[in-house]
Amino acid sequence: MKIDEKLKKFFVSIISSPDCEGTNFVQKKIVPMVETLFFETVNNSSFKLPIGDILPLNDEDEKVRFAMLHNQDGTLSLGINENALSADYAGFKIGPYYKGSISQRNSRINDIIRCVFHEVRHAEQEAICR
């Protein structure tokens, strides 16, 4: 997959950021990167995926960071749980564990990328079933 220039800027910005924790970091750096990655992955998919918007998840479960959602009109949407990204065990919570060493940050970013592809794969499976 060819990486979009906008996505490259997000990756560089995250990698070079001295501050990599907390809700502000998630909202300004991680969520826009995830939205772009969702759209780029869907647009480069071999399937014609009926993806609607990227929606916020209002899920209390901090382990659910992303999800594929069924819309009433039959389309699919992808969702992002900012609360989970800011607070969960693999997120960007402020605290002693989340001091943001490069290896921790890279590990969390890799996990997020895997999760994005996982949710898009669900959407592809849904398209195949239909």
C-alpha atoms as a PDB file:
ATOM      1  CA  MET A   1       0.000   0.000   0.000  1.00  0.00           C
ATOM      2  CA  LYS A   2       1.314   3.410  -0.926  1.00  0.00           C
ATOM      3  CA  ILE A   3       1.338   5.625   2.154  1.00  0.00           C
ATOM      4  CA  ASP A   4      -0.513   8.897   1.807  1.00  0.00           C
ATOM      5  CA  GLU A   5       1.520  12.067   2.466  1.00  0.00           C
ATOM      6  CA  LYS A   6      -0.943  13.128   5.171  1.00  0.00           C
ATOM      7  CA  LEU A   7      -0.446   9.788   6.917  1.00  0.00           C
ATOM      8  CA  LYS A   8       3.332  10.133   6.660  1.00  0.00           C
ATOM      9  CA  LYS A   9       3.091  13.522   8.373  1.00  0.00           C
ATOM     10  CA  PHE A  10       1.103  11.981  11.229  1.00  0.00           C
ATOM     11  CA  PHE A  11       3.688   9.226  11.687  1.00  0.00           C
ATOM     12  CA  VAL A  12       6.603  11.675  11.645  1.00  0.00           C
ATOM     13  CA  SER A  13       4.780  14.042  14.000  1.00  0.00           C
ATOM     14  CA  ILE A  14       4.055  11.250  16.478  1.00  0.00           C
ATOM     15  CA  ILE A  15       7.539   9.767  16.311  1.00  0.00           C
ATOM     16  CA  SER A  16       9.215  13.146  16.777  1.00  0.00           C
ATOM     17  CA  SER A  17       6.841  14.427  19.463  1.00  0.00           C
ATOM     18  CA  PRO A  18       8.512  14.921  22.864  1.00  0.00           C
ATOM     19  CA  ASP A  19       5.104  14.644  24.552  1.00  0.00           C
ATOM     20  CA  CYS A  20       3.275  11.397  23.866  1.00  0.00           C
ATOM     21  CA  GLU A  21       0.692  10.942  26.559  1.00  0.00           C
ATOM     22  CA  GLY A  22      -2.663  12.237  27.677  1.00  0.00           C
ATOM     23  CA  THR A  23      -5.984  13.186  26.173  1.00  0.00           C
ATOM     24  CA  ASN A  24      -4.615  16.163  24.215  1.00  0.00           C
ATOM     25  CA  PHE A  25      -2.001  13.961  22.499  1.00  0.00           C
ATOM     26  CA  VAL A  26      -4.703  11.428  21.618  1.00  0.00           C
ATOM     27  CA  GLN A  27      -7.067  14.062  20.207  1.00  0.00           C
ATOM     28  CA  LYS A  28      -4.450  16.027  18.268  1.00  0.00           C
ATOM     29  CA  LYS A  29      -2.158  13.243  17.036  1.00  0.00           C
ATOM     30  CA  ILE A  30      -3.606   9.750  17.416  1.00  0.00           C
ATOM     31  CA  VAL A  31      -7.268  10.198  16.397  1.00  0.00           C
ATOM     32  CA  PRO A  32      -6.475  12.085  13.147  1.00  0.00           C
ATOM     33  CA  MET A  33      -3.832   9.468  12.310  1.00  0.00           C
ATOM     34  CA  VAL A  34      -6.307   6.646  12.919  1.00  0.00           C
ATOM     35  CA  GLU A  35      -9.028   8.340  10.840  1.00  0.00           C
ATOM     36  CA  THR A  36      -6.597   8.801   7.948  1.00  0.00           C
ATOM     37  CA  LEU A  37      -5.349   5.226   8.279  1.00  0.00           C
ATOM     38  CA  PHE A  38      -8.938   3.923   8.257  1.00  0.00           C
ATOM     39  CA  PHE A  39      -9.774   5.858   5.098  1.00  0.00           C
ATOM     40  CA  GLU A  40      -6.508   4.993   3.339  1.00  0.00           C
ATOM     41  CA  THR A  41      -6.905   1.296   4.150  1.00  0.00           C
ATOM     42  CA  VAL A  42     -10.518   1.237   2.986  1.00  0.00           C
ATOM     43  CA  ASN A  43      -9.743   3.202  -0.189  1.00  0.00           C
ATOM     44  CA  ASN A  44      -6.901   0.822  -1.043  1.00  0.00           C
ATOM     45  CA  SER A  45      -8.932  -2.286  -0.284  1.00  0.00           C
ATOM     46  CA  SER A  46      -9.577  -4.775  -3.068  1.00  0.00           C
ATOM     47  CA  PHE A  47     -13.237  -4.749  -2.011  1.00  0.00           C
ATOM     48  CA  LYS A  48     -15.702  -1.943  -2.581  1.00  0.00           C
ATOM     49  CA  LEU A  49     -16.424  -1.330   1.066  1.00  0.00           C
ATOM     50  CA  PRO A  50     -19.585   0.571   1.971  1.00  0.00           C
ATOM     51  CA  ILE A  51     -17.903   2.594   4.713  1.00  0.00           C
ATOM     52  CA  GLY A  52     -19.640   5.663   6.064  1.00  0.00           C
ATOM     53  CA  ASP A  53     -18.203   7.996   8.631  1.00  0.00           C
ATOM     54  CA  ILE A  54     -15.624   7.427  11.303  1.00  0.00           C
ATOM     55  CA  LEU A  55     -17.723   7.709  14.450  1.00  0.00           C
ATOM     56  CA  PRO A  56     -16.832   8.250  18.095  1.00  0.00           C
ATOM     57  CA  LEU A  57     -17.550   5.239  20.294  1.00  0.00           C
ATOM     58  CA  ASN A  58     -19.160   6.118  23.583  1.00  0.00           C
ATOM     59  CA  ASP A  59     -18.144   2.792  25.037  1.00  0.00           C
ATOM     60  CA  GLU A  60     -17.258   2.493  28.692  1.00  0.00           C
ATOM     61  CA  ASP A  61     -15.124  -0.579  27.956  1.00  0.00           C
ATOM     62  CA  GLU A  62     -11.544   0.685  27.842  1.00  0.00           C
ATOM     63  CA  LYS A  63     -10.410  -2.418  25.967  1.00  0.00           C
ATOM     64  CA  VAL A  64     -12.562  -1.546  22.932  1.00  0.00           C
ATOM     65  CA  ARG A  65     -10.547   1.071  21.092  1.00  0.00           C
ATOM     66  CA  PHE A  66     -11.959   0.584  17.585  1.00  0.00           C
ATOM     67  CA  ALA A  67     -14.999  -1.154  16.119  1.00  0.00           C
ATOM     68  CA  MET A  68     -16.869  -1.827  12.918  1.00  0.00           C
ATOM     69  CA  LEU A  69     -20.460  -0.598  13.264  1.00  0.00           C
ATOM     70  CA  HIS A  70     -23.585  -1.600  11.316  1.00  0.00           C
ATOM     71  CA  ASN A  71     -25.643   1.423  10.312  1.00  0.00           C
ATOM     72  CA  GLN A  72     -29.427   1.266   9.942  1.00  0.00           C
ATOM     73  CA  ASP A  73     -29.172   2.007   6.204  1.00  0.00           C
ATOM     74  CA  GLY A  74     -26.994  -1.062   5.617  1.00  0.00           C
ATOM     75  CA  THR A  75     -23.693   0.767   5.342  1.00  0.00           C
ATOM     76  CA  LEU A  76     -20.811   0.259   7.713  1.00  0.00           C
ATOM     77  CA  SER A  77     -18.945   2.754   9.827  1.00  0.00           C
ATOM     78  CA  LEU A  78     -15.729   2.499  11.758  1.00  0.00           C
ATOM     79  CA  GLY A  79     -15.566   3.777  15.314  1.00  0.00           C
ATOM     80  CA  ILE A  80     -12.877   5.201  17.599  1.00  0.00           C
ATOM     81  CA  ASN A  81     -13.073   5.144  21.401  1.00  0.00           C
ATOM     82  CA  GLU A  82     -10.991   8.161  22.468  1.00  0.00           C
ATOM     83  CA  ASN A  83     -11.579   7.318  26.125  1.00  0.00           C
ATOM     84  CA  ALA A  84      -9.896   3.959  25.645  1.00  0.00           C
ATOM     85  CA  LEU A  85      -6.985   5.482  23.739  1.00  0.00           C
ATOM     86  CA  SER A  86      -6.473   7.984  26.557  1.00  0.00           C
ATOM     87  CA  ALA A  87      -6.897   5.577  29.443  1.00  0.00           C
ATOM     88  CA  ASP A  88      -6.440   1.895  28.662  1.00  0.00           C
ATOM     89  CA  TYR A  89      -3.512  -0.424  29.260  1.00  0.00           C
ATOM     90  CA  ALA A  90      -2.201   0.092  25.716  1.00  0.00           C
ATOM     91  CA  GLY A  91      -3.240   3.728  25.361  1.00  0.00           C
ATOM     92  CA  PHE A  92      -1.656   7.058  26.151  1.00  0.00           C
ATOM     93  CA  LYS A  93      -2.733   7.631  29.741  1.00  0.00           C
ATOM     94  CA  ILE A  94      -0.787  10.045  31.901  1.00  0.00           C
ATOM     95  CA  GLY A  95       1.060   8.198  34.625  1.00  0.00           C
ATOM     96  CA  PRO A  96       4.309   6.495  35.540  1.00  0.00           C
ATOM     97  CA  TYR A  97       3.861   3.669  33.024  1.00  0.00           C
ATOM     98  CA  TYR A  98       3.221   6.148  30.217  1.00  0.00           C
ATOM     99  CA  LYS A  99       6.320   8.301  30.298  1.00  0.00           C
ATOM    100  CA  GLY A 100       6.511   7.792  26.555  1.00  0.00           C
ATOM    101  CA  SER A 101       9.834   6.146  25.934  1.00  0.00           C
ATOM    102  CA  ILE A 102      10.366   5.558  22.237  1.00  0.00           C
ATOM    103  CA  SER A 103       9.953   1.787  22.594  1.00  0.00           C
ATOM    104  CA  GLN A 104       6.658   2.184  24.513  1.00  0.00           C
ATOM    105  CA  ARG A 105       5.345   4.717  22.017  1.00  0.00           C
ATOM    106  CA  ASN A 106       6.347   2.559  19.036  1.00  0.00           C
ATOM    107  CA  SER A 107       4.745  -0.483  20.645  1.00  0.00           C
ATOM    108  CA  ARG A 108       1.481   1.381  21.188  1.00  0.00           C
ATOM    109  CA  ILE A 109       1.496   2.821  17.647  1.00  0.00           C
ATOM    110  CA  ASN A 110       2.159  -0.648  16.175  1.00  0.00           C
ATOM    111  CA  ASP A 111      -0.716  -2.036  18.218  1.00  0.00           C
ATOM    112  CA  ILE A 112      -3.034   0.720  16.982  1.00  0.00           C
ATOM    113  CA  ILE A 113      -2.090   0.069  13.350  1.00  0.00           C
ATOM    114  CA  ARG A 114      -2.756  -3.658  13.798  1.00  0.00           C
ATOM    115  CA  CYS A 115      -6.148  -2.874  15.363  1.00  0.00           C
ATOM    116  CA  VAL A 116      -7.093  -0.559  12.485  1.00  0.00           C
ATOM    117  CA  PHE A 117      -6.303  -3.273   9.944  1.00  0.00           C
ATOM    118  CA  HIS A 118      -8.223  -5.767  12.109  1.00  0.00           C
ATOM    119  CA  GLU A 119     -11.397  -3.646  11.975  1.00  0.00           C
ATOM    120  CA  VAL A 120     -11.070  -3.047   8.232  1.00  0.00           C
ATOM    121  CA  ARG A 121     -10.674  -6.813   7.813  1.00  0.00           C
ATOM    122  CA  HIS A 122     -14.014  -7.229   9.636  1.00  0.00           C
ATOM    123  CA  ALA A 123     -15.566  -4.813   7.136  1.00  0.00           C
ATOM    124  CA  GLU A 124     -14.094  -6.806   4.225  1.00  0.00           C
ATOM    125  CA  GLN A 125     -15.503 -10.027   5.716  1.00  0.00           C
ATOM    126  CA  GLU A 126     -18.890  -8.345   6.034  1.00  0.00           C
ATOM    127  CA  ALA A 127     -18.715  -7.268   2.376  1.00  0.00           C
ATOM    128  CA  ILE A 128     -17.857 -10.829   1.309  1.00  0.00           C
ATOM    129  CA  CYS A 129     -20.791 -12.207   3.305  1.00  0.00           C
ATOM    130  CA  ARG A 130     -23.192  -9.753   1.684  1.00  0.00           C
END
